[in-house]
Amino acid sequence: QEQLVESGGGLVKAGGSLTLSCKASKRTYRGFIMGWFRQHPGKEREFVAAYRCSDDYAAYADSVKGGFTISGDNAEDTVSLQMHSLDAEDRAVYYCAAIRVTYAVPTAPSKYPYWGQGTQVTVSE
């Protein structure tokens, strides 16, 4: 069972920035694709970004391109999601997820078998 531990959620003012982190085991970090998803109240979970350590590849949802950056820390086996210019639309529970490395990065939540517990991001006016 792969374990993912998220941190970094909280309250931020509109226009501000926040960084989420997902700590994995070394085996998970090196051999898996690690993704971030978010779920707005009453909505389906949606893809935000994903990172593949093996080739430093990053993928983003169109809605966050230019505003969010996903990156990996090889020393800490951690994937981070830097979020800038946050607004009310970014208020959600954010989840880290993992899937064994594939060539194509899946964006459907159902493809990811391993999940963290989620961390709340709240954006105030």
C-alpha atoms as a PDB file:
ATOM      1  CA  GLN A   1       0.000   0.000   0.000  1.00  0.00           C
ATOM      2  CA  GLU A   2       1.527   3.276  -1.075  1.00  0.00           C
ATOM      3  CA  GLN A   3       1.260   6.063   1.480  1.00  0.00           C
ATOM      4  CA  LEU A   4       0.954   9.696   0.520  1.00  0.00           C
ATOM      5  CA  VAL A   5       1.023  12.469   3.096  1.00  0.00           C
ATOM      6  CA  GLU A   6      -0.141  15.925   2.075  1.00  0.00           C
ATOM      7  CA  SER A   7       0.624  19.191   3.790  1.00  0.00           C
ATOM      8  CA  GLY A   8       0.448  22.909   3.154  1.00  0.00           C
ATOM      9  CA  GLY A   9      -3.249  23.622   2.833  1.00  0.00           C
ATOM     10  CA  GLY A  10      -4.864  26.522   4.624  1.00  0.00           C
ATOM     11  CA  LEU A  11      -6.403  29.934   4.269  1.00  0.00           C
ATOM     12  CA  VAL A  12      -5.029  32.462   1.813  1.00  0.00           C
ATOM     13  CA  LYS A  13      -6.274  35.798   0.533  1.00  0.00           C
ATOM     14  CA  ALA A  14      -7.358  36.167  -3.065  1.00  0.00           C
ATOM     15  CA  GLY A  15      -4.348  36.885  -5.228  1.00  0.00           C
ATOM     16  CA  GLY A  16      -2.042  35.145  -2.800  1.00  0.00           C
ATOM     17  CA  SER A  17       0.057  32.015  -3.102  1.00  0.00           C
ATOM     18  CA  LEU A  18       0.188  28.663  -1.383  1.00  0.00           C
ATOM     19  CA  THR A  19       2.357  25.586  -1.773  1.00  0.00           C
ATOM     20  CA  LEU A  20       1.092  22.062  -1.198  1.00  0.00           C
ATOM     21  CA  SER A  21       3.442  19.153  -0.636  1.00  0.00           C
ATOM     22  CA  CYS A  22       2.971  15.423  -0.977  1.00  0.00           C
ATOM     23  CA  LYS A  23       5.480  13.182   0.742  1.00  0.00           C
ATOM     24  CA  ALA A  24       5.822   9.656  -0.613  1.00  0.00           C
ATOM     25  CA  SER A  25       8.081   6.729  -0.009  1.00  0.00           C
ATOM     26  CA  LYS A  26      11.199   6.622  -2.146  1.00  0.00           C
ATOM     27  CA  ARG A  27       9.764   3.659  -4.065  1.00  0.00           C
ATOM     28  CA  THR A  28       6.599   5.573  -4.860  1.00  0.00           C
ATOM     29  CA  TYR A  29       8.301   8.799  -5.786  1.00  0.00           C
ATOM     30  CA  ARG A  30      10.770   7.153  -8.183  1.00  0.00           C
ATOM     31  CA  GLY A  31       8.482   4.598  -9.757  1.00  0.00           C
ATOM     32  CA  PHE A  32       5.159   6.374  -9.925  1.00  0.00           C
ATOM     33  CA  ILE A  33       3.453   9.361 -11.457  1.00  0.00           C
ATOM     34  CA  MET A  34       2.277  11.656  -8.684  1.00  0.00           C
ATOM     35  CA  GLY A  35      -0.700  13.850  -9.331  1.00  0.00           C
ATOM     36  CA  TRP A  36      -2.732  16.560  -7.678  1.00  0.00           C
ATOM     37  CA  PHE A  37      -6.485  16.640  -7.899  1.00  0.00           C
ATOM     38  CA  ARG A  38      -9.055  18.920  -6.314  1.00  0.00           C
ATOM     39  CA  GLN A  39     -12.663  18.628  -5.389  1.00  0.00           C
ATOM     40  CA  HIS A  40     -14.991  21.582  -5.096  1.00  0.00           C
ATOM     41  CA  PRO A  41     -18.013  21.222  -2.807  1.00  0.00           C
ATOM     42  CA  GLY A  42     -20.651  19.130  -4.527  1.00  0.00           C
ATOM     43  CA  LYS A  43     -18.504  18.540  -7.595  1.00  0.00           C
ATOM     44  CA  GLU A  44     -16.500  15.679  -9.053  1.00  0.00           C
ATOM     45  CA  ARG A  45     -12.815  15.379  -8.300  1.00  0.00           C
ATOM     46  CA  GLU A  46     -10.779  16.971 -11.094  1.00  0.00           C
ATOM     47  CA  PHE A  47      -7.234  16.752 -12.353  1.00  0.00           C
ATOM     48  CA  VAL A  48      -4.913  19.647 -11.544  1.00  0.00           C
ATOM     49  CA  ALA A  49      -1.360  18.556 -12.356  1.00  0.00           C
ATOM     50  CA  ALA A  50       0.936  15.544 -12.397  1.00  0.00           C
ATOM     51  CA  TYR A  51       4.661  14.921 -12.186  1.00  0.00           C
ATOM     52  CA  ARG A  52       6.831  12.061 -13.371  1.00  0.00           C
ATOM     53  CA  CYS A  53      10.147  11.999 -11.537  1.00  0.00           C
ATOM     54  CA  SER A  54      11.822   9.606 -13.978  1.00  0.00           C
ATOM     55  CA  ASP A  55      12.054  12.275 -16.668  1.00  0.00           C
ATOM     56  CA  ASP A  56      11.049  15.435 -14.800  1.00  0.00           C
ATOM     57  CA  TYR A  57       7.841  15.614 -16.828  1.00  0.00           C
ATOM     58  CA  ALA A  58       4.946  17.799 -15.706  1.00  0.00           C
ATOM     59  CA  ALA A  59       1.378  17.973 -16.976  1.00  0.00           C
ATOM     60  CA  TYR A  60      -1.311  20.523 -16.128  1.00  0.00           C
ATOM     61  CA  ALA A  61      -5.012  21.041 -16.465  1.00  0.00           C
ATOM     62  CA  ASP A  62      -5.779  23.938 -18.790  1.00  0.00           C
ATOM     63  CA  SER A  63      -7.504  25.761 -15.951  1.00  0.00           C
ATOM     64  CA  VAL A  64      -4.282  26.068 -13.923  1.00  0.00           C
ATOM     65  CA  LYS A  65      -1.640  26.519 -16.609  1.00  0.00           C
ATOM     66  CA  GLY A  66       0.427  29.583 -15.945  1.00  0.00           C
ATOM     67  CA  GLY A  67      -0.728  29.840 -12.351  1.00  0.00           C
ATOM     68  CA  PHE A  68       0.319  26.521 -10.792  1.00  0.00           C
ATOM     69  CA  THR A  69       3.685  24.767 -10.910  1.00  0.00           C
ATOM     70  CA  ILE A  70       4.311  21.142  -9.970  1.00  0.00           C
ATOM     71  CA  SER A  71       7.809  19.971  -9.153  1.00  0.00           C
ATOM     72  CA  GLY A  72       9.679  17.178  -7.459  1.00  0.00           C
ATOM     73  CA  ASP A  73      12.306  17.108  -4.739  1.00  0.00           C
ATOM     74  CA  ASN A  74      14.426  14.025  -5.282  1.00  0.00           C
ATOM     75  CA  ALA A  75      16.139  14.340  -1.917  1.00  0.00           C
ATOM     76  CA  GLU A  76      12.861  14.416   0.015  1.00  0.00           C
ATOM     77  CA  ASP A  77      10.732  12.182  -2.244  1.00  0.00           C
ATOM     78  CA  THR A  78       8.209  14.974  -2.271  1.00  0.00           C
ATOM     79  CA  VAL A  79       6.103  16.537  -4.997  1.00  0.00           C
ATOM     80  CA  SER A  80       5.027  20.116  -4.497  1.00  0.00           C
ATOM     81  CA  LEU A  81       2.310  22.187  -6.087  1.00  0.00           C
ATOM     82  CA  GLN A  82       2.970  25.910  -6.064  1.00  0.00           C
ATOM     83  CA  MET A  83      -0.230  27.873  -6.551  1.00  0.00           C
ATOM     84  CA  HIS A  84      -0.177  31.571  -7.429  1.00  0.00           C
ATOM     85  CA  SER A  85      -2.837  34.220  -7.983  1.00  0.00           C
ATOM     86  CA  LEU A  86      -5.414  32.174  -6.154  1.00  0.00           C
ATOM     87  CA  ASP A  87      -9.072  33.070  -6.420  1.00  0.00           C
ATOM     88  CA  ALA A  88     -12.394  31.730  -5.215  1.00  0.00           C
ATOM     89  CA  GLU A  89     -12.413  29.116  -7.962  1.00  0.00           C
ATOM     90  CA  ASP A  90      -9.368  27.501  -6.376  1.00  0.00           C
ATOM     91  CA  ARG A  91     -11.130  26.857  -3.087  1.00  0.00           C
ATOM     92  CA  ALA A  92     -11.322  23.069  -2.791  1.00  0.00           C
ATOM     93  CA  VAL A  93      -9.970  20.015  -1.071  1.00  0.00           C
ATOM     94  CA  TYR A  94      -6.727  19.078  -2.796  1.00  0.00           C
ATOM     95  CA  TYR A  95      -5.634  15.463  -3.015  1.00  0.00           C
ATOM     96  CA  CYS A  96      -2.331  13.868  -3.878  1.00  0.00           C
ATOM     97  CA  ALA A  97      -2.537  10.634  -5.872  1.00  0.00           C
ATOM     98  CA  ALA A  98      -0.146   8.128  -7.384  1.00  0.00           C
ATOM     99  CA  ILE A  99      -0.081   5.599 -10.205  1.00  0.00           C
ATOM    100  CA  ARG A 100       2.755   3.421 -11.443  1.00  0.00           C
ATOM    101  CA  VAL A 101       4.713   5.132 -14.174  1.00  0.00           C
ATOM    102  CA  THR A 102       3.132   5.045 -17.613  1.00  0.00           C
ATOM    103  CA  TYR A 103       4.050   6.833 -20.823  1.00  0.00           C
ATOM    104  CA  ALA A 104       0.813   8.788 -20.972  1.00  0.00           C
ATOM    105  CA  VAL A 105      -0.095  10.712 -17.847  1.00  0.00           C
ATOM    106  CA  PRO A 106      -3.673   9.882 -16.927  1.00  0.00           C
ATOM    107  CA  THR A 107      -5.983  12.687 -15.854  1.00  0.00           C
ATOM    108  CA  ALA A 108      -8.976  10.633 -14.747  1.00  0.00           C
ATOM    109  CA  PRO A 109      -9.132  10.182 -10.974  1.00  0.00           C
ATOM    110  CA  SER A 110     -10.309   6.605 -11.442  1.00  0.00           C
ATOM    111  CA  LYS A 111      -6.923   5.698 -12.917  1.00  0.00           C
ATOM    112  CA  TYR A 112      -5.071   6.486  -9.705  1.00  0.00           C
ATOM    113  CA  PRO A 113      -5.172   3.721  -7.109  1.00  0.00           C
ATOM    114  CA  TYR A 114      -3.391   5.531  -4.291  1.00  0.00           C
ATOM    115  CA  TRP A 115      -4.594   8.667  -2.562  1.00  0.00           C
ATOM    116  CA  GLY A 116      -3.667  10.962   0.264  1.00  0.00           C
ATOM    117  CA  GLN A 117      -6.134  12.160   2.863  1.00  0.00           C
ATOM    118  CA  GLY A 118      -6.711  15.561   1.259  1.00  0.00           C
ATOM    119  CA  THR A 119      -5.928  19.079   2.392  1.00  0.00           C
ATOM    120  CA  GLN A 120      -8.306  22.034   2.378  1.00  0.00           C
ATOM    121  CA  VAL A 121      -7.456  25.219   0.511  1.00  0.00           C
ATOM    122  CA  THR A 122      -9.648  28.201   1.293  1.00  0.00           C
ATOM    123  CA  VAL A 123      -9.366  31.513  -0.531  1.00  0.00           C
ATOM    124  CA  SER A 124     -10.804  34.588   1.157  1.00  0.00           C
ATOM    125  CA  GLU A 125     -11.869  37.783  -0.567  1.00  0.00           C
END
